[in-house]
Amino acid sequence: MSHHGPHYVHEAAKAVEKLPALAEKKDPSTAAILGFLFGPLGIGIYFKSKADFCWCLGLLIGLTIVIPGVGLLPGWLFSAAYGYHRANKSNEKLMTKSELVRD
């Protein structure tokens, strides 16, 4: 089993934090459940974002290649973790943005 998989996911998590906020607040738990059940497609539809779909799909494919034979499972589960993390980070950015507008 390759040791590159965890590094790949860690770098992806850092990249997610640089993405702009979504158009509206999203529930992290719902995002995680949809990511778990439907993978990248669930994330893309819930966030209404081609970029988020592409990130999840890219990581699914990447982990499948980096960890031959078993990479599909962590790649699929990553969609759930991605959805949860992305929703939280986006909501934080939206809150900060709304606080700046109020001031």
PDB file of N, CA and C in Angstrom:
ATOM      1  N   MET A   1       0.839  -1.181   0.000  1.00  0.00           N
ATOM      2  CA  MET A   1       0.000   0.000   0.000  1.00  0.00           C
ATOM      3  C   MET A   1       0.885   1.246   0.000  1.00  0.00           C
ATOM      4  N   SER A   2       0.545   2.229  -0.789  1.00  0.00           N
ATOM      5  CA  SER A   2       1.338   3.435  -0.935  1.00  0.00           C
ATOM      6  C   SER A   2       1.134   4.377   0.248  1.00  0.00           C
ATOM      7  N   HIS A   3       2.191   5.104   0.597  1.00  0.00           N
ATOM      8  CA  HIS A   3       2.105   6.094   1.668  1.00  0.00           C
ATOM      9  C   HIS A   3       1.735   7.468   1.116  1.00  0.00           C
ATOM     10  N   HIS A   4       1.523   7.581  -0.190  1.00  0.00           N
ATOM     11  CA  HIS A   4       1.204   8.859  -0.812  1.00  0.00           C
ATOM     12  C   HIS A   4      -0.254   9.260  -0.615  1.00  0.00           C
ATOM     13  N   GLY A   5      -1.133   8.329  -0.354  1.00  0.00           N
ATOM     14  CA  GLY A   5      -2.560   8.618  -0.196  1.00  0.00           C
ATOM     15  C   GLY A   5      -2.859   9.663   0.858  1.00  0.00           C
ATOM     16  N   PRO A   6      -2.368   9.499   2.104  1.00  0.00           N
ATOM     17  CA  PRO A   6      -2.651  10.504   3.130  1.00  0.00           C
ATOM     18  C   PRO A   6      -2.101  11.889   2.765  1.00  0.00           C
ATOM     19  N   HIS A   7      -0.922  11.931   2.144  1.00  0.00           N
ATOM     20  CA  HIS A   7      -0.339  13.212   1.744  1.00  0.00           C
ATOM     21  C   HIS A   7      -1.228  13.879   0.697  1.00  0.00           C
ATOM     22  N   TYR A   8      -1.725  13.101  -0.224  1.00  0.00           N
ATOM     23  CA  TYR A   8      -2.604  13.572  -1.289  1.00  0.00           C
ATOM     24  C   TYR A   8      -3.855  14.216  -0.690  1.00  0.00           C
ATOM     25  N   VAL A   9      -4.458  13.565   0.287  1.00  0.00           N
ATOM     26  CA  VAL A   9      -5.674  14.066   0.934  1.00  0.00           C
ATOM     27  C   VAL A   9      -5.369  15.331   1.738  1.00  0.00           C
ATOM     28  N   HIS A  10      -4.233  15.347   2.435  1.00  0.00           N
ATOM     29  CA  HIS A  10      -3.853  16.521   3.237  1.00  0.00           C
ATOM     30  C   HIS A  10      -3.680  17.757   2.345  1.00  0.00           C
ATOM     31  N   GLU A  11      -3.016  17.588   1.222  1.00  0.00           N
ATOM     32  CA  GLU A  11      -2.822  18.707   0.300  1.00  0.00           C
ATOM     33  C   GLU A  11      -4.160  19.181  -0.273  1.00  0.00           C
ATOM     34  N   ALA A  12      -5.048  18.254  -0.522  1.00  0.00           N
ATOM     35  CA  ALA A  12      -6.372  18.613  -1.029  1.00  0.00           C
ATOM     36  C   ALA A  12      -7.150  19.413   0.013  1.00  0.00           C
ATOM     37  N   ALA A  13      -7.042  19.031   1.279  1.00  0.00           N
ATOM     38  CA  ALA A  13      -7.735  19.753   2.351  1.00  0.00           C
ATOM     39  C   ALA A  13      -7.228  21.190   2.441  1.00  0.00           C
ATOM     40  N   LYS A  14      -5.937  21.394   2.259  1.00  0.00           N
ATOM     41  CA  LYS A  14      -5.388  22.753   2.278  1.00  0.00           C
ATOM     42  C   LYS A  14      -5.918  23.564   1.102  1.00  0.00           C
ATOM     43  N   ALA A  15      -6.062  22.922  -0.044  1.00  0.00           N
ATOM     44  CA  ALA A  15      -6.569  23.610  -1.228  1.00  0.00           C
ATOM     45  C   ALA A  15      -8.036  24.010  -1.054  1.00  0.00           C
ATOM     46  N   VAL A  16      -8.811  23.185  -0.366  1.00  0.00           N
ATOM     47  CA  VAL A  16     -10.231  23.481  -0.132  1.00  0.00           C
ATOM     48  C   VAL A  16     -10.378  24.781   0.646  1.00  0.00           C
ATOM     49  N   GLU A  17      -9.490  25.019   1.572  1.00  0.00           N
ATOM     50  CA  GLU A  17      -9.583  26.230   2.382  1.00  0.00           C
ATOM     51  C   GLU A  17      -9.383  27.495   1.551  1.00  0.00           C
ATOM     52  N   LYS A  18      -8.767  27.381   0.395  1.00  0.00           N
ATOM     53  CA  LYS A  18      -8.536  28.534  -0.462  1.00  0.00           C
ATOM     54  C   LYS A  18      -9.704  28.806  -1.410  1.00  0.00           C
ATOM     55  N   LEU A  19     -10.636  27.869  -1.500  1.00  0.00           N
ATOM     56  CA  LEU A  19     -11.787  28.058  -2.383  1.00  0.00           C
ATOM     57  C   LEU A  19     -12.682  29.174  -1.849  1.00  0.00           C
ATOM     58  N   PRO A  20     -13.347  29.911  -2.738  1.00  0.00           N
ATOM     59  CA  PRO A  20     -14.262  30.965  -2.273  1.00  0.00           C
ATOM     60  C   PRO A  20     -15.485  30.356  -1.589  1.00  0.00           C
ATOM     61  N   ALA A  21     -16.164  31.192  -0.830  1.00  0.00           N
ATOM     62  CA  ALA A  21     -17.374  30.740  -0.148  1.00  0.00           C
ATOM     63  C   ALA A  21     -18.442  30.362  -1.174  1.00  0.00           C
ATOM     64  N   LEU A  22     -19.287  29.423  -0.793  1.00  0.00           N
ATOM     65  CA  LEU A  22     -20.433  29.060  -1.618  1.00  0.00           C
ATOM     66  C   LEU A  22     -21.437  30.210  -1.582  1.00  0.00           C
ATOM     67  N   ALA A  23     -22.420  30.187  -2.461  1.00  0.00           N
ATOM     68  CA  ALA A  23     -23.387  31.275  -2.561  1.00  0.00           C
ATOM     69  C   ALA A  23     -24.262  31.407  -1.312  1.00  0.00           C
ATOM     70  N   GLU A  24     -24.488  30.298  -0.631  1.00  0.00           N
ATOM     71  CA  GLU A  24     -25.341  30.326   0.568  1.00  0.00           C
ATOM     72  C   GLU A  24     -24.815  29.336   1.599  1.00  0.00           C
ATOM     73  N   LYS A  25     -25.303  29.494   2.823  1.00  0.00           N
ATOM     74  CA  LYS A  25     -24.888  28.606   3.911  1.00  0.00           C
ATOM     75  C   LYS A  25     -25.379  27.181   3.627  1.00  0.00           C
ATOM     76  N   LYS A  26     -24.507  26.202   3.918  1.00  0.00           N
ATOM     77  CA  LYS A  26     -24.841  24.787   3.713  1.00  0.00           C
ATOM     78  C   LYS A  26     -24.634  24.018   5.015  1.00  0.00           C
ATOM     79  N   ASP A  27     -25.448  22.989   5.215  1.00  0.00           N
ATOM     80  CA  ASP A  27     -25.342  22.156   6.407  1.00  0.00           C
ATOM     81  C   ASP A  27     -24.233  21.121   6.224  1.00  0.00           C
ATOM     82  N   PRO A  28     -23.203  21.154   7.079  1.00  0.00           N
ATOM     83  CA  PRO A  28     -22.095  20.201   6.944  1.00  0.00           C
ATOM     84  C   PRO A  28     -22.530  18.737   7.038  1.00  0.00           C
ATOM     85  N   SER A  29     -23.477  18.432   7.915  1.00  0.00           N
ATOM     86  CA  SER A  29     -23.931  17.044   8.066  1.00  0.00           C
ATOM     87  C   SER A  29     -24.632  16.551   6.806  1.00  0.00           C
ATOM     88  N   THR A  30     -25.459  17.389   6.214  1.00  0.00           N
ATOM     89  CA  THR A  30     -26.137  17.020   4.975  1.00  0.00           C
ATOM     90  C   THR A  30     -25.119  16.807   3.863  1.00  0.00           C
ATOM     91  N   ALA A  31     -24.134  17.694   3.795  1.00  0.00           N
ATOM     92  CA  ALA A  31     -23.079  17.557   2.781  1.00  0.00           C
ATOM     93  C   ALA A  31     -22.330  16.238   2.959  1.00  0.00           C
ATOM     94  N   ALA A  32     -22.015  15.887   4.197  1.00  0.00           N
ATOM     95  CA  ALA A  32     -21.293  14.636   4.463  1.00  0.00           C
ATOM     96  C   ALA A  32     -22.136  13.419   4.073  1.00  0.00           C
ATOM     97  N   ILE A  33     -23.407  13.449   4.405  1.00  0.00           N
ATOM     98  CA  ILE A  33     -24.290  12.314   4.083  1.00  0.00           C
ATOM     99  C   ILE A  33     -24.431  12.164   2.568  1.00  0.00           C
ATOM    100  N   LEU A  34     -24.635  13.271   1.864  1.00  0.00           N
ATOM    101  CA  LEU A  34     -24.764  13.200   0.407  1.00  0.00           C
ATOM    102  C   LEU A  34     -23.454  12.762  -0.244  1.00  0.00           C
ATOM    103  N   GLY A  35     -22.332  13.208   0.309  1.00  0.00           N
ATOM    104  CA  GLY A  35     -21.038  12.770  -0.192  1.00  0.00           C
ATOM    105  C   GLY A  35     -20.829  11.285   0.025  1.00  0.00           C
ATOM    106  N   PHE A  36     -21.268  10.800   1.167  1.00  0.00           N
ATOM    107  CA  PHE A  36     -21.141   9.377   1.476  1.00  0.00           C
ATOM    108  C   PHE A  36     -22.029   8.530   0.567  1.00  0.00           C
ATOM    109  N   LEU A  37     -23.262   8.975   0.380  1.00  0.00           N
ATOM    110  CA  LEU A  37     -24.213   8.188  -0.408  1.00  0.00           C
ATOM    111  C   LEU A  37     -23.985   8.275  -1.920  1.00  0.00           C
ATOM    112  N   PHE A  38     -23.645   9.466  -2.396  1.00  0.00           N
ATOM    113  CA  PHE A  38     -23.588   9.682  -3.840  1.00  0.00           C
ATOM    114  C   PHE A  38     -22.223  10.136  -4.349  1.00  0.00           C
ATOM    115  N   GLY A  39     -21.234  10.211  -3.478  1.00  0.00           N
ATOM    116  CA  GLY A  39     -19.882  10.567  -3.885  1.00  0.00           C
ATOM    117  C   GLY A  39     -19.794  11.967  -4.471  1.00  0.00           C
ATOM    118  N   PRO A  40     -18.921  12.166  -5.446  1.00  0.00           N
ATOM    119  CA  PRO A  40     -18.719  13.488  -6.032  1.00  0.00           C
ATOM    120  C   PRO A  40     -20.000  14.104  -6.615  1.00  0.00           C
ATOM    121  N   LEU A  41     -20.870  13.269  -7.163  1.00  0.00           N
ATOM    122  CA  LEU A  41     -22.117  13.784  -7.737  1.00  0.00           C
ATOM    123  C   LEU A  41     -22.992  14.430  -6.667  1.00  0.00           C
ATOM    124  N   GLY A  42     -23.099  13.791  -5.501  1.00  0.00           N
ATOM    125  CA  GLY A  42     -23.886  14.353  -4.403  1.00  0.00           C
ATOM    126  C   GLY A  42     -23.335  15.694  -3.948  1.00  0.00           C
ATOM    127  N   ILE A  43     -22.017  15.802  -3.881  1.00  0.00           N
ATOM    128  CA  ILE A  43     -21.383  17.060  -3.478  1.00  0.00           C
ATOM    129  C   ILE A  43     -21.653  18.150  -4.517  1.00  0.00           C
ATOM    130  N   GLY A  44     -21.458  17.816  -5.778  1.00  0.00           N
ATOM    131  CA  GLY A  44     -21.668  18.794  -6.840  1.00  0.00           C
ATOM    132  C   GLY A  44     -23.097  19.318  -6.883  1.00  0.00           C
ATOM    133  N   ILE A  45     -24.054  18.433  -6.719  1.00  0.00           N
ATOM    134  CA  ILE A  45     -25.462  18.844  -6.758  1.00  0.00           C
ATOM    135  C   ILE A  45     -25.821  19.654  -5.516  1.00  0.00           C
ATOM    136  N   TYR A  46     -25.408  19.205  -4.332  1.00  0.00           N
ATOM    137  CA  TYR A  46     -25.774  19.921  -3.102  1.00  0.00           C
ATOM    138  C   TYR A  46     -25.146  21.313  -3.059  1.00  0.00           C
ATOM    139  N   PHE A  47     -23.889  21.419  -3.460  1.00  0.00           N
ATOM    140  CA  PHE A  47     -23.220  22.715  -3.436  1.00  0.00           C
ATOM    141  C   PHE A  47     -23.510  23.546  -4.687  1.00  0.00           C
ATOM    142  N   LYS A  48     -24.162  22.929  -5.693  1.00  0.00           N
ATOM    143  CA  LYS A  48     -24.426  23.599  -6.972  1.00  0.00           C
ATOM    144  C   LYS A  48     -23.125  24.156  -7.533  1.00  0.00           C
ATOM    145  N   SER A  49     -22.108  23.287  -7.553  1.00  0.00           N
ATOM    146  CA  SER A  49     -20.774  23.734  -7.905  1.00  0.00           C
ATOM    147  C   SER A  49     -20.037  22.686  -8.740  1.00  0.00           C
ATOM    148  N   LYS A  50     -19.670  23.073  -9.944  1.00  0.00           N
ATOM    149  CA  LYS A  50     -18.872  22.193 -10.788  1.00  0.00           C
ATOM    150  C   LYS A  50     -17.473  22.015 -10.198  1.00  0.00           C
ATOM    151  N   ALA A  51     -16.945  23.074  -9.601  1.00  0.00           N
ATOM    152  CA  ALA A  51     -15.596  23.004  -9.021  1.00  0.00           C
ATOM    153  C   ALA A  51     -15.531  21.969  -7.909  1.00  0.00           C
ATOM    154  N   ASP A  52     -16.522  21.945  -7.032  1.00  0.00           N
ATOM    155  CA  ASP A  52     -16.522  20.977  -5.940  1.00  0.00           C
ATOM    156  C   ASP A  52     -16.701  19.552  -6.465  1.00  0.00           C
ATOM    157  N   PHE A  53     -17.539  19.392  -7.474  1.00  0.00           N
ATOM    158  CA  PHE A  53     -17.678  18.085  -8.111  1.00  0.00           C
ATOM    159  C   PHE A  53     -16.335  17.625  -8.673  1.00  0.00           C
ATOM    160  N   CYS A  54     -15.656  18.538  -9.368  1.00  0.00           N
ATOM    161  CA  CYS A  54     -14.367  18.189  -9.981  1.00  0.00           C
ATOM    162  C   CYS A  54     -13.306  17.859  -8.942  1.00  0.00           C
ATOM    163  N   TRP A  55     -13.273  18.598  -7.829  1.00  0.00           N
ATOM    164  CA  TRP A  55     -12.316  18.287  -6.757  1.00  0.00           C
ATOM    165  C   TRP A  55     -12.543  16.874  -6.234  1.00  0.00           C
ATOM    166  N   CYS A  56     -13.784  16.561  -5.920  1.00  0.00           N
ATOM    167  CA  CYS A  56     -14.078  15.226  -5.380  1.00  0.00           C
ATOM    168  C   CYS A  56     -13.797  14.133  -6.402  1.00  0.00           C
ATOM    169  N   LEU A  57     -14.187  14.357  -7.636  1.00  0.00           N
ATOM    170  CA  LEU A  57     -13.951  13.362  -8.665  1.00  0.00           C
ATOM    171  C   LEU A  57     -12.455  13.185  -8.909  1.00  0.00           C
ATOM    172  N   GLY A  58     -11.728  14.287  -8.940  1.00  0.00           N
ATOM    173  CA  GLY A  58     -10.280  14.212  -9.127  1.00  0.00           C
ATOM    174  C   GLY A  58      -9.596  13.440  -8.017  1.00  0.00           C
ATOM    175  N   LEU A  59     -10.027  13.679  -6.794  1.00  0.00           N
ATOM    176  CA  LEU A  59      -9.437  12.953  -5.670  1.00  0.00           C
ATOM    177  C   LEU A  59      -9.835  11.486  -5.675  1.00  0.00           C
ATOM    178  N   LEU A  60     -11.050  11.214  -6.082  1.00  0.00           N
ATOM    179  CA  LEU A  60     -11.484   9.815  -6.208  1.00  0.00           C
ATOM    180  C   LEU A  60     -10.602   9.085  -7.227  1.00  0.00           C
ATOM    181  N   ILE A  61     -10.423   9.695  -8.360  1.00  0.00           N
ATOM    182  CA  ILE A  61      -9.585   9.085  -9.401  1.00  0.00           C
ATOM    183  C   ILE A  61      -8.132   9.006  -8.945  1.00  0.00           C
ATOM    184  N   GLY A  62      -7.643  10.103  -8.347  1.00  0.00           N
ATOM    185  CA  GLY A  62      -6.254  10.133  -7.884  1.00  0.00           C
ATOM    186  C   GLY A  62      -5.951   9.079  -6.846  1.00  0.00           C
ATOM    187  N   LEU A  63      -6.820   8.934  -5.865  1.00  0.00           N
ATOM    188  CA  LEU A  63      -6.592   7.919  -4.831  1.00  0.00           C
ATOM    189  C   LEU A  63      -6.710   6.510  -5.392  1.00  0.00           C
ATOM    190  N   THR A  64      -7.573   6.343  -6.376  1.00  0.00           N
ATOM    191  CA  THR A  64      -7.699   5.029  -7.019  1.00  0.00           C
ATOM    192  C   THR A  64      -6.396   4.658  -7.733  1.00  0.00           C
ATOM    193  N   ILE A  65      -5.723   5.655  -8.278  1.00  0.00           N
ATOM    194  CA  ILE A  65      -4.453   5.420  -8.962  1.00  0.00           C
ATOM    195  C   ILE A  65      -3.310   5.263  -7.958  1.00  0.00           C
ATOM    196  N   VAL A  66      -3.266   6.142  -6.954  1.00  0.00           N
ATOM    197  CA  VAL A  66      -2.163   6.154  -5.981  1.00  0.00           C
ATOM    198  C   VAL A  66      -2.186   4.924  -5.083  1.00  0.00           C
ATOM    199  N   ILE A  67      -3.375   4.451  -4.741  1.00  0.00           N
ATOM    200  CA  ILE A  67      -3.505   3.275  -3.878  1.00  0.00           C
ATOM    201  C   ILE A  67      -4.213   2.183  -4.687  1.00  0.00           C
ATOM    202  N   PRO A  68      -3.484   1.515  -5.568  1.00  0.00           N
ATOM    203  CA  PRO A  68      -4.110   0.514  -6.449  1.00  0.00           C
ATOM    204  C   PRO A  68      -4.851  -0.577  -5.675  1.00  0.00           C
ATOM    205  N   GLY A  69      -6.013  -0.915  -6.166  1.00  0.00           N
ATOM    206  CA  GLY A  69      -6.773  -2.011  -5.577  1.00  0.00           C
ATOM    207  C   GLY A  69      -7.726  -1.609  -4.479  1.00  0.00           C
ATOM    208  N   VAL A  70      -7.347  -0.650  -3.650  1.00  0.00           N
ATOM    209  CA  VAL A  70      -8.219  -0.255  -2.534  1.00  0.00           C
ATOM    210  C   VAL A  70      -8.494   1.251  -2.505  1.00  0.00           C
ATOM    211  N   GLY A  71      -7.933   2.003  -3.419  1.00  0.00           N
ATOM    212  CA  GLY A  71      -8.060   3.457  -3.412  1.00  0.00           C
ATOM    213  C   GLY A  71      -9.456   3.974  -3.648  1.00  0.00           C
ATOM    214  N   LEU A  72     -10.298   3.167  -4.279  1.00  0.00           N
ATOM    215  CA  LEU A  72     -11.664   3.602  -4.545  1.00  0.00           C
ATOM    216  C   LEU A  72     -12.430   3.856  -3.250  1.00  0.00           C
ATOM    217  N   LEU A  73     -12.257   3.008  -2.259  1.00  0.00           N
ATOM    218  CA  LEU A  73     -12.983   3.176  -0.991  1.00  0.00           C
ATOM    219  C   LEU A  73     -12.608   4.478  -0.278  1.00  0.00           C
ATOM    220  N   PRO A  74     -11.317   4.743  -0.005  1.00  0.00           N
ATOM    221  CA  PRO A  74     -11.011   6.024   0.638  1.00  0.00           C
ATOM    222  C   PRO A  74     -11.348   7.212  -0.265  1.00  0.00           C
ATOM    223  N   GLY A  75     -11.243   7.019  -1.571  1.00  0.00           N
ATOM    224  CA  GLY A  75     -11.614   8.088  -2.489  1.00  0.00           C
ATOM    225  C   GLY A  75     -13.089   8.429  -2.389  1.00  0.00           C
ATOM    226  N   TRP A  76     -13.916   7.400  -2.266  1.00  0.00           N
ATOM    227  CA  TRP A  76     -15.359   7.613  -2.125  1.00  0.00           C
ATOM    228  C   TRP A  76     -15.673   8.232  -0.763  1.00  0.00           C
ATOM    229  N   LEU A  77     -15.055   7.720   0.275  1.00  0.00           N
ATOM    230  CA  LEU A  77     -15.283   8.261   1.622  1.00  0.00           C
ATOM    231  C   LEU A  77     -14.777   9.693   1.735  1.00  0.00           C
ATOM    232  N   PHE A  78     -13.772  10.019   0.940  1.00  0.00           N
ATOM    233  CA  PHE A  78     -13.263  11.383   0.960  1.00  0.00           C
ATOM    234  C   PHE A  78     -14.355  12.379   0.592  1.00  0.00           C
ATOM    235  N   SER A  79     -15.277  12.010  -0.279  1.00  0.00           N
ATOM    236  CA  SER A  79     -16.358  12.918  -0.673  1.00  0.00           C
ATOM    237  C   SER A  79     -17.163  13.353   0.551  1.00  0.00           C
ATOM    238  N   ALA A  80     -17.392  12.439   1.479  1.00  0.00           N
ATOM    239  CA  ALA A  80     -18.124  12.784   2.704  1.00  0.00           C
ATOM    240  C   ALA A  80     -17.319  13.762   3.555  1.00  0.00           C
ATOM    241  N   ALA A  81     -16.036  13.471   3.736  1.00  0.00           N
ATOM    242  CA  ALA A  81     -15.172  14.349   4.534  1.00  0.00           C
ATOM    243  C   ALA A  81     -15.022  15.710   3.852  1.00  0.00           C
ATOM    244  N   TYR A  82     -14.869  15.683   2.536  1.00  0.00           N
ATOM    245  CA  TYR A  82     -14.741  16.919   1.765  1.00  0.00           C
ATOM    246  C   TYR A  82     -15.996  17.786   1.952  1.00  0.00           C
ATOM    247  N   GLY A  83     -17.170  17.173   1.801  1.00  0.00           N
ATOM    248  CA  GLY A  83     -18.415  17.921   1.935  1.00  0.00           C
ATOM    249  C   GLY A  83     -18.545  18.574   3.296  1.00  0.00           C
ATOM    250  N   TYR A  84     -18.215  17.834   4.337  1.00  0.00           N
ATOM    251  CA  TYR A  84     -18.310  18.371   5.696  1.00  0.00           C
ATOM    252  C   TYR A  84     -17.336  19.541   5.877  1.00  0.00           C
ATOM    253  N   HIS A  85     -16.095  19.329   5.487  1.00  0.00           N
ATOM    254  CA  HIS A  85     -15.059  20.351   5.651  1.00  0.00           C
ATOM    255  C   HIS A  85     -15.355  21.589   4.800  1.00  0.00           C
ATOM    256  N   ARG A  86     -15.761  21.366   3.568  1.00  0.00           N
ATOM    257  CA  ARG A  86     -16.040  22.478   2.650  1.00  0.00           C
ATOM    258  C   ARG A  86     -17.217  23.311   3.143  1.00  0.00           C
ATOM    259  N   ALA A  87     -18.268  22.667   3.622  1.00  0.00           N
ATOM    260  CA  ALA A  87     -19.429  23.401   4.132  1.00  0.00           C
ATOM    261  C   ALA A  87     -19.036  24.238   5.344  1.00  0.00           C
ATOM    262  N   ASN A  88     -18.257  23.665   6.256  1.00  0.00           N
ATOM    263  CA  ASN A  88     -17.811  24.424   7.433  1.00  0.00           C
ATOM    264  C   ASN A  88     -16.987  25.638   7.043  1.00  0.00           C
ATOM    265  N   LYS A  89     -16.002  25.443   6.170  1.00  0.00           N
ATOM    266  CA  LYS A  89     -15.127  26.546   5.761  1.00  0.00           C
ATOM    267  C   LYS A  89     -15.911  27.620   5.010  1.00  0.00           C
ATOM    268  N   SER A  90     -16.817  27.204   4.149  1.00  0.00           N
ATOM    269  CA  SER A  90     -17.625  28.161   3.414  1.00  0.00           C
ATOM    270  C   SER A  90     -18.526  28.959   4.357  1.00  0.00           C
ATOM    271  N   ASN A  91     -19.142  28.283   5.316  1.00  0.00           N
ATOM    272  CA  ASN A  91     -20.005  28.969   6.280  1.00  0.00           C
ATOM    273  C   ASN A  91     -19.211  29.980   7.105  1.00  0.00           C
ATOM    274  N   GLU A  92     -17.982  29.622   7.483  1.00  0.00           N
ATOM    275  CA  GLU A  92     -17.126  30.559   8.220  1.00  0.00           C
ATOM    276  C   GLU A  92     -16.847  31.804   7.380  1.00  0.00           C
ATOM    277  N   LYS A  93     -16.538  31.597   6.108  1.00  0.00           N
ATOM    278  CA  LYS A  93     -16.260  32.734   5.222  1.00  0.00           C
ATOM    279  C   LYS A  93     -17.503  33.602   5.037  1.00  0.00           C
ATOM    280  N   LEU A  94     -18.668  32.971   4.920  1.00  0.00           N
ATOM    281  CA  LEU A  94     -19.912  33.732   4.775  1.00  0.00           C
ATOM    282  C   LEU A  94     -20.206  34.545   6.026  1.00  0.00           C
ATOM    283  N   MET A  95     -19.945  33.971   7.200  1.00  0.00           N
ATOM    284  CA  MET A  95     -20.180  34.701   8.451  1.00  0.00           C
ATOM    285  C   MET A  95     -19.238  35.890   8.555  1.00  0.00           C
ATOM    286  N   THR A  96     -17.978  35.695   8.215  1.00  0.00           N
ATOM    287  CA  THR A  96     -17.004  36.774   8.265  1.00  0.00           C
ATOM    288  C   THR A  96     -17.400  37.873   7.288  1.00  0.00           C
ATOM    289  N   LYS A  97     -17.843  37.473   6.105  1.00  0.00           N
ATOM    290  CA  LYS A  97     -18.268  38.421   5.091  1.00  0.00           C
ATOM    291  C   LYS A  97     -19.469  39.236   5.578  1.00  0.00           C
ATOM    292  N   SER A  98     -20.441  38.580   6.215  1.00  0.00           N
ATOM    293  CA  SER A  98     -21.635  39.285   6.688  1.00  0.00           C
ATOM    294  C   SER A  98     -21.294  40.207   7.852  1.00  0.00           C
ATOM    295  N   GLU A  99     -20.304  39.830   8.671  1.00  0.00           N
ATOM    296  CA  GLU A  99     -19.869  40.708   9.762  1.00  0.00           C
ATOM    297  C   GLU A  99     -19.199  41.951   9.212  1.00  0.00           C
ATOM    298  N   LEU A 100     -18.434  41.826   8.145  1.00  0.00           N
ATOM    299  CA  LEU A 100     -17.778  42.971   7.530  1.00  0.00           C
ATOM    300  C   LEU A 100     -18.794  43.899   6.913  1.00  0.00           C
ATOM    301  N   VAL A 101     -19.858  43.350   6.344  1.00  0.00           N
ATOM    302  CA  VAL A 101     -20.893  44.168   5.708  1.00  0.00           C
ATOM    303  C   VAL A 101     -21.654  44.954   6.779  1.00  0.00           C
ATOM    304  N   ARG A 102     -21.888  44.351   7.941  1.00  0.00           N
ATOM    305  CA  ARG A 102     -22.624  45.032   9.021  1.00  0.00           C
ATOM    306  C   ARG A 102     -21.837  46.205   9.592  1.00  0.00           C
ATOM    307  N   ASP A 103     -20.526  46.055   9.638  1.00  0.00           N
ATOM    308  CA  ASP A 103     -19.694  47.124  10.256  1.00  0.00           C
ATOM    309  C   ASP A 103     -19.533  48.334   9.409  1.00  0.00           C
TER     310      ASP A 103
END
